[in-house]
Protein backbone atom coordinates (compact mmCIF):
# COMPACT_ATOMS: atom_id res chain seq x y z
CA UNK A 1 -19.72 60.02 50.80
CA UNK A 2 -19.49 60.82 46.99
CA UNK A 3 -22.54 62.80 45.02
CA UNK A 4 -23.35 62.57 41.68
CA UNK A 5 -22.79 65.43 39.53
CA UNK A 6 -25.45 67.13 37.59
CA UNK A 7 -25.72 66.02 34.12
CA UNK A 8 -24.69 68.79 31.66
CA UNK A 9 -26.35 69.77 28.68
CA UNK A 10 -24.23 69.39 25.30
CA UNK A 11 -23.18 72.85 24.00
CA UNK A 12 -24.84 71.88 20.77
CA UNK A 13 -28.18 72.11 22.88
CA UNK A 14 -27.02 75.33 24.60
CA UNK A 15 -26.21 77.23 21.31
CA UNK A 16 -29.64 75.94 19.84
CA UNK A 17 -31.42 77.87 22.25
CA UNK A 18 -30.20 81.41 20.95
CA UNK A 19 -31.49 80.12 17.39
CA UNK A 20 -35.08 81.09 17.27
CA UNK A 21 -34.59 84.69 19.33
CA UNK A 22 -32.06 85.46 16.48
CA UNK A 23 -34.35 84.37 13.30
CA UNK A 24 -36.74 86.95 14.85
CA UNK A 25 -34.13 89.45 14.84
CA UNK A 26 -33.27 88.17 11.25
CA UNK A 27 -36.83 88.89 9.68
CA UNK A 28 -36.73 92.65 11.23
CA UNK A 29 -33.24 93.23 10.03
CA UNK A 30 -34.08 92.20 6.49
CA UNK A 31 -37.51 93.96 6.53
CA UNK A 32 -36.33 97.08 8.17
CA UNK A 33 -32.12 97.16 7.95
CA UNK A 34 -32.18 95.98 3.95
CA UNK A 35 -35.20 97.15 2.39
CA UNK A 36 -37.57 99.90 3.82
CA UNK A 37 -35.20 101.93 6.25
CA UNK A 38 -32.76 102.75 3.02
CA UNK A 39 -35.54 103.47 1.02
CA UNK A 40 -36.68 106.32 3.03
CA UNK A 41 -34.24 108.74 1.39
CA UNK A 42 -36.18 111.31 -0.69
CA UNK A 43 -39.48 110.16 0.89
CA UNK A 44 -40.85 113.89 1.05
CA UNK A 45 -39.68 117.34 0.64
CA UNK A 46 -38.79 118.90 3.74
CA UNK A 47 -38.53 115.67 5.79
CA UNK A 48 -34.49 115.12 5.21
CA UNK A 49 -33.65 114.86 9.22
CA UNK A 50 -36.13 112.12 9.33
CA UNK A 51 -35.12 110.43 6.52
CA UNK A 52 -32.04 110.52 7.80
CA UNK A 53 -32.85 109.24 11.22
CA UNK A 54 -34.60 106.31 9.67
CA UNK A 55 -31.80 105.34 7.51
CA UNK A 56 -29.48 105.41 10.56
CA UNK A 57 -31.91 103.20 12.45
CA UNK A 58 -31.81 100.69 9.59
CA UNK A 59 -27.81 100.74 9.27
CA UNK A 60 -27.91 100.09 13.67
CA UNK A 61 -30.46 97.47 13.40
CA UNK A 62 -28.28 95.46 10.40
CA UNK A 63 -25.10 96.27 12.51
CA UNK A 64 -26.37 95.09 15.82
CA UNK A 65 -27.61 92.24 14.06
CA UNK A 66 -24.51 91.24 12.40
CA UNK A 67 -22.52 91.24 15.71
CA UNK A 68 -24.98 89.05 17.08
CA UNK A 69 -25.08 86.35 14.63
CA UNK A 70 -21.18 86.55 14.26
CA UNK A 71 -21.41 85.19 18.19
CA UNK A 72 -24.00 82.69 17.45
CA UNK A 73 -22.17 81.44 14.42
CA UNK A 74 -18.82 81.42 16.55
CA UNK A 75 -20.58 79.24 19.27
CA UNK A 76 -21.78 77.01 16.58
CA UNK A 77 -18.53 76.19 14.77
CA UNK A 78 -17.04 75.75 18.52
CA UNK A 79 -20.02 73.04 19.14
CA UNK A 80 -19.76 71.42 15.60
CA UNK A 81 -15.89 71.03 16.32
CA UNK A 82 -16.67 69.41 19.27
CA UNK A 83 -19.63 67.00 18.37
CA UNK A 84 -19.41 63.78 16.32
CA UNK A 85 -19.87 64.44 12.93
CA UNK A 86 -18.29 63.32 9.82
CA UNK A 87 -14.75 64.75 9.31
CA UNK A 88 -15.64 66.48 5.92
CA UNK A 89 -18.35 68.42 7.42
CA UNK A 90 -16.29 69.21 10.50
CA UNK A 91 -13.18 70.04 8.20
CA UNK A 92 -15.48 72.70 6.25
CA UNK A 93 -16.65 74.33 9.29
CA UNK A 94 -14.12 76.29 10.96
CA UNK A 95 -12.74 77.80 7.65
CA UNK A 96 -15.83 78.37 5.56
CA UNK A 97 -17.51 80.10 9.26
CA UNK A 98 -14.25 82.24 10.07
CA UNK A 99 -14.01 83.37 6.28
CA UNK A 100 -17.79 84.39 6.35
CA UNK A 101 -17.47 86.03 9.75
CA UNK A 102 -14.39 88.25 8.41
CA UNK A 103 -15.94 89.21 5.32
CA UNK A 104 -19.54 90.12 7.16
CA UNK A 105 -17.21 92.20 9.65
CA UNK A 106 -15.40 93.96 6.93
CA UNK A 107 -18.96 94.39 4.91
CA UNK A 108 -19.86 97.15 7.13
CA UNK A 109 -16.82 99.36 5.68
CA UNK A 110 -16.45 97.99 2.23
CA UNK A 111 -16.89 94.76 0.36
CA UNK A 112 -15.88 93.81 -3.30
CA UNK A 113 -17.46 91.45 -5.84
CA UNK A 114 -14.89 88.61 -5.51
CA UNK A 115 -15.26 88.47 -1.86
CA UNK A 116 -19.13 88.66 -2.17
CA UNK A 117 -19.15 85.69 -4.81
CA UNK A 118 -16.81 83.60 -2.40
CA UNK A 119 -19.00 84.00 0.46
CA UNK A 120 -21.95 83.12 -1.40
CA UNK A 121 -20.26 80.02 -2.88
CA UNK A 122 -19.22 78.95 0.23
CA UNK A 123 -22.77 79.76 2.23
CA UNK A 124 -24.72 77.93 -0.51
CA UNK A 125 -22.29 74.85 -0.63
CA UNK A 126 -22.37 74.47 2.96
CA UNK A 127 -25.93 74.41 3.02
CA UNK A 128 -26.53 71.81 0.50
CA UNK A 129 -23.73 69.68 2.69
CA UNK A 130 -25.82 70.37 5.90
CA UNK A 131 -29.26 69.50 3.86
CA UNK A 132 -27.65 66.16 3.04
CA UNK A 133 -26.91 65.82 6.69
CA UNK A 134 -30.08 66.46 7.95
CA UNK A 135 -31.73 63.97 5.88
CA UNK A 136 -30.11 61.49 8.51
CA UNK A 137 -32.92 62.27 11.01
CA UNK A 138 -36.66 61.83 10.05
CA UNK A 139 -37.97 64.80 12.01
CA UNK A 140 -35.68 67.01 10.32
CA UNK A 141 -35.89 66.12 6.42
CA UNK A 142 -38.41 69.18 6.38
CA UNK A 143 -36.15 71.84 7.42
CA UNK A 144 -33.38 69.81 5.23
CA UNK A 145 -35.31 70.53 2.40
CA UNK A 146 -36.03 74.14 2.98
CA UNK A 147 -32.19 74.58 3.54
CA UNK A 148 -31.29 72.67 0.61
CA UNK A 149 -33.97 74.37 -1.85
CA UNK A 150 -32.22 77.80 -0.64
CA UNK A 151 -28.77 76.43 -1.02
CA UNK A 152 -29.60 75.40 -4.59
CA UNK A 153 -30.86 78.36 -5.34
CA UNK A 154 -28.42 80.50 -4.28
CA UNK A 155 -25.94 78.49 -6.13
CA UNK A 156 -27.98 78.74 -9.32
CA UNK A 157 -28.62 82.56 -8.80
CA UNK A 158 -24.68 83.02 -8.53
CA UNK A 159 -24.06 81.33 -11.80
CA UNK A 160 -26.78 83.52 -13.46
CA UNK A 161 -24.82 86.55 -12.30
CA UNK A 162 -21.61 85.38 -13.62
CA UNK A 163 -23.22 84.45 -16.80
CA UNK A 164 -25.01 88.17 -16.88
CA UNK A 165 -21.53 89.83 -16.40
CA UNK A 166 -20.22 87.87 -19.40
CA UNK A 167 -22.84 89.16 -21.33
CA UNK A 168 -22.36 92.62 -20.41
CA UNK A 169 -18.80 92.35 -21.22
CA UNK A 170 -19.49 90.91 -24.83
CA UNK A 171 -21.83 93.64 -25.46
CA UNK A 172 -24.83 91.54 -24.29
CA UNK A 173 -25.29 89.00 -26.89
CA UNK A 174 -28.91 87.52 -26.76
CA UNK A 175 -27.61 84.03 -26.06
CA UNK A 176 -25.76 85.06 -23.00
CA UNK A 177 -28.66 87.41 -21.34
CA UNK A 178 -31.36 84.54 -22.17
CA UNK A 179 -29.04 81.97 -20.48
CA UNK A 180 -28.74 84.45 -17.51
CA UNK A 181 -32.42 85.11 -17.16
CA UNK A 182 -33.12 81.21 -17.50
CA UNK A 183 -31.16 80.51 -14.73
CA UNK A 184 -32.61 83.19 -12.89
CA UNK A 185 -35.82 81.80 -13.58
CA UNK A 186 -34.70 78.13 -12.11
CA UNK A 187 -33.32 79.88 -9.21
CA UNK A 188 -36.52 81.96 -8.68
CA UNK A 189 -38.40 78.21 -8.86
CA UNK A 190 -36.64 77.08 -6.19
CA UNK A 191 -37.31 79.86 -3.84
CA UNK A 192 -40.73 79.30 -4.28
CA UNK A 193 -40.47 75.87 -3.75
CA UNK A 194 -38.66 76.22 -0.17
CA UNK A 195 -41.27 78.45 0.93
CA UNK A 196 -44.22 76.09 -0.33
CA UNK A 197 -42.36 73.55 1.65
CA UNK A 198 -41.84 75.54 4.80
CA UNK A 199 -45.47 76.34 4.68
CA UNK A 200 -46.54 72.32 4.41
CA UNK A 201 -44.10 72.04 7.11
CA UNK A 202 -45.80 74.64 9.52
CA UNK A 203 -49.01 73.13 8.61
CA UNK A 204 -47.73 69.62 9.83
CA UNK A 205 -46.96 70.85 13.03
CA UNK A 206 -50.52 71.27 13.87
CA UNK A 207 -51.91 68.62 11.69
CA UNK A 208 -53.56 70.90 9.44
CA UNK A 209 -53.77 72.18 5.80
CA UNK A 210 -53.06 75.91 6.75
CA UNK A 211 -52.54 77.24 10.00
CA UNK A 212 -53.78 81.10 10.99
CA UNK A 213 -50.16 82.46 10.71
CA UNK A 214 -49.38 81.12 7.04
CA UNK A 215 -53.10 82.23 5.93
CA UNK A 216 -52.08 85.94 7.31
CA UNK A 217 -48.86 85.71 5.70
CA UNK A 218 -50.37 84.81 2.22
CA UNK A 219 -53.37 87.53 2.54
CA UNK A 220 -50.68 90.20 3.84
CA UNK A 221 -48.20 89.73 1.01
CA UNK A 222 -50.95 89.52 -1.42
CA UNK A 223 -52.70 93.27 -0.39
CA UNK A 224 -49.00 94.69 -0.03
CA UNK A 225 -48.22 93.45 -3.74
CA UNK A 226 -51.71 95.00 -4.87
CA UNK A 227 -51.15 98.38 -3.01
CA UNK A 228 -47.55 98.71 -3.83
CA UNK A 229 -47.50 97.57 -7.56
CA UNK A 230 -50.69 97.72 -9.22
CA UNK A 231 -52.33 100.96 -8.11
CA UNK A 232 -51.52 104.54 -9.47
CA UNK A 233 -48.06 105.91 -8.46
CA UNK A 234 -50.02 109.15 -7.40
CA UNK A 235 -52.40 107.14 -5.04
CA UNK A 236 -49.87 105.65 -2.98
CA UNK A 237 -48.41 108.78 -1.32
CA UNK A 238 -45.01 108.95 0.51
CA UNK A 239 -45.18 105.78 2.50
CA UNK A 240 -46.19 103.87 -0.47
CA UNK A 241 -43.31 105.17 -2.73
CA UNK A 242 -41.13 103.73 0.48
CA UNK A 243 -42.79 100.34 0.48
CA UNK A 244 -42.53 100.21 -3.28
CA UNK A 245 -38.72 100.85 -3.11
CA UNK A 246 -38.47 98.59 -0.16
CA UNK A 247 -39.94 95.53 -2.45
CA UNK A 248 -37.51 96.33 -5.34
CA UNK A 249 -34.53 95.88 -2.94
CA UNK A 250 -35.59 92.57 -1.95
CA UNK A 251 -36.00 91.65 -5.41
CA UNK A 252 -32.68 89.77 -6.95
CA UNK A 253 -30.99 90.11 -10.13
CA UNK A 254 -30.83 89.35 -13.05
CA UNK A 255 -34.42 89.63 -13.85
CA UNK A 256 -36.24 85.99 -14.34
CA UNK A 257 -39.01 85.24 -16.75
CA UNK A 258 -41.23 85.86 -14.26
CA UNK A 259 -43.83 88.99 -14.31
CA UNK A 260 -43.21 91.58 -11.82
CA UNK A 261 -46.29 91.34 -9.56
CA UNK A 262 -45.35 87.25 -8.83
CA UNK A 263 -41.70 88.05 -8.11
CA UNK A 264 -43.15 90.95 -5.73
CA UNK A 265 -45.27 88.55 -4.04
CA UNK A 266 -42.98 85.67 -3.19
CA UNK A 267 -40.30 88.37 -2.00
CA UNK A 268 -42.87 89.59 0.31
CA UNK A 269 -44.04 86.09 1.43
CA UNK A 270 -40.64 84.89 2.27
CA UNK A 271 -40.18 86.79 5.48
CA UNK A 272 -43.77 86.56 6.43
CA UNK A 273 -43.94 82.92 6.31
CA UNK A 274 -40.45 83.05 8.10
CA UNK A 275 -42.33 84.80 10.80
CA UNK A 276 -45.22 82.15 10.84
CA UNK A 277 -42.24 79.17 10.94
CA UNK A 278 -41.38 81.09 14.45
CA UNK A 279 -44.52 80.40 16.00
CA UNK A 280 -44.61 76.36 14.76
CA UNK A 281 -44.60 74.25 17.73
CA UNK A 282 -42.18 71.73 18.49
CA UNK A 283 -39.73 69.82 21.10
CA UNK A 284 -37.04 70.96 18.71
CA UNK A 285 -37.77 75.23 18.49
CA UNK A 286 -34.38 75.56 16.57
CA UNK A 287 -35.61 73.90 13.42
CA UNK A 288 -38.10 76.54 12.90
CA UNK A 289 -35.33 79.08 13.70
CA UNK A 290 -33.49 77.22 11.00
CA UNK A 291 -36.10 77.45 8.73
CA UNK A 292 -37.05 81.07 9.26
CA UNK A 293 -33.12 82.24 8.53
CA UNK A 294 -33.19 80.14 5.36
CA UNK A 295 -36.45 81.79 3.95
CA UNK A 296 -34.83 85.16 4.80
CA UNK A 297 -31.67 84.82 2.73
CA UNK A 298 -33.72 83.28 -0.07
CA UNK A 299 -31.36 82.89 -3.20
CA UNK A 300 -29.21 86.29 -1.78
CA UNK A 301 -26.28 84.32 -0.38
CA UNK A 302 -23.94 86.36 -2.45
CA UNK A 303 -24.81 89.18 0.78
CA UNK A 304 -22.11 88.53 3.26
CA UNK A 305 -24.85 88.69 6.48
CA UNK A 306 -26.96 86.57 4.03
CA UNK A 307 -24.16 84.14 3.81
CA UNK A 308 -23.85 84.25 7.45
CA UNK A 309 -27.33 83.78 8.02
CA UNK A 310 -27.61 80.60 5.61
CA UNK A 311 -24.47 79.29 7.70
CA UNK A 312 -26.22 79.77 10.88
CA UNK A 313 -29.21 77.47 9.45
CA UNK A 314 -27.00 74.88 8.15
CA UNK A 315 -25.26 74.77 11.40
CA UNK A 316 -28.61 74.89 13.35
CA UNK A 317 -29.98 71.71 11.00
CA UNK A 318 -26.79 69.59 11.64
CA UNK A 319 -26.97 70.14 15.42
CA UNK A 320 -30.78 69.92 15.71
CA UNK A 321 -30.59 66.57 13.60
CA UNK A 322 -28.73 65.32 16.68
CA UNK A 323 -31.19 66.17 19.64
CA UNK A 324 -33.14 63.35 20.70
CA UNK A 325 -36.04 65.65 21.70
CA UNK A 326 -36.64 65.18 17.62
CA UNK A 327 -37.91 61.69 18.29
CA UNK A 328 -40.26 62.42 21.00
CA UNK A 329 -41.59 65.33 18.86
CA UNK A 330 -42.09 62.76 16.18
CA UNK A 331 -43.64 60.40 17.95
CA UNK A 332 -46.25 63.00 19.48
CA UNK A 333 -47.07 64.02 15.83
CA UNK A 334 -47.68 60.63 14.84
CA UNK A 335 -51.11 59.42 14.75
CA UNK A 336 -52.44 57.93 18.30
CA UNK A 337 -51.34 54.42 18.71
CA UNK A 338 -48.31 54.66 16.19
CA UNK A 339 -44.59 55.45 16.37
CA UNK A 340 -42.33 56.29 13.48
CA UNK A 341 -41.45 52.39 12.74
CA UNK A 342 -44.85 51.40 12.38
CA UNK A 343 -44.99 49.54 15.82
CA UNK A 344 -47.83 50.58 18.06
CA UNK A 345 -47.37 51.78 21.50
CA UNK A 346 -48.10 49.44 24.42
CA UNK A 347 -51.10 51.08 26.35
CA UNK A 348 -52.07 49.96 29.94
CA UNK A 349 -55.38 47.80 29.80
CA UNK A 350 -58.43 49.60 31.64
CA UNK A 351 -59.16 48.26 35.25
CA UNK A 352 -62.31 46.53 34.88
CA UNK A 353 -64.10 44.05 37.28
CA UNK A 354 -63.24 40.69 36.50
CA UNK A 355 -65.26 37.66 37.60
CA UNK A 356 -63.64 35.22 40.44
CA UNK A 357 -62.37 32.02 38.42
CA UNK A 358 -64.47 28.97 39.44
CA UNK A 359 -64.44 25.28 38.90
CA UNK A 360 -66.16 24.12 35.49
CA UNK A 361 -69.30 22.27 36.09
CA UNK A 362 -68.35 19.03 34.69
CA UNK A 363 -65.76 18.40 37.25
CA UNK A 364 -66.90 16.08 40.28
């Protein structure tokens, strides 16, 4: 007597369950490990031991997240290599993913400008490829837009960095400096567009113009920007100085033609909207993780850990776009009685008492 073997989930679906927790870790690692913990140096006189411990905590958070992200990226590379993808996508997945993993692990000790530039170009380019692939699924198009905008912003900012380097070596001619800052401004606009697209996607999950999570994110970013940048430095205290340094570490270079308060507001809003994206409902929660990872990176794909997060978001988008649960998520989110193709969903008729048939009166 033969028994049917239990159906197993594809490896791509299994690794997708890890994306949302990893994205939550990325928000913490960005705010603490990248921005605020390293900014604790010199926070106050007589607090050297405390600041050293805070900096050690930040370094430990970043290192732990890098290890976890490396494991998840390896699993996603295996899932993509065994899945049904176009051959250029699979051909680029292994070498690009392996290169980013190696550079990220080496970056704990040292990283060169050349390797950082190569990592940024690889991560941003692959994000554009994954965004194009993600457009095949209607339910993943919003997430694909966010990942694609972040990838484009990263590439343009890397070009602006190259223009700035050429300007410095040439004695800072006005034309080169203007070109570098103009490209950085374009990258900043794409970053802001990615945040706006993510906010719209979050609202669409609950069929509202705005959700409480996004409203709180906007208010918190506005209050922090005002407290950190617009108040007198003598009024903010030691903690305010740490916050100000942390915000400065979140900003990108070269400086765009954008006022400093607006740049700080967008830099603070990105991780807060990423946290709000993790609260969005849906049958494919990995899409919210991909959106959050992309927002955490922004246009800073030249950082090895940022390039790894962008690669994970790209692989996640490609895998989630092939998840059949997204189709049902789109059907449930559509207006009652409609499916994505526009055909009405058949509803069972109400059970009502019907009159018993009788012969017409004109019969003999």
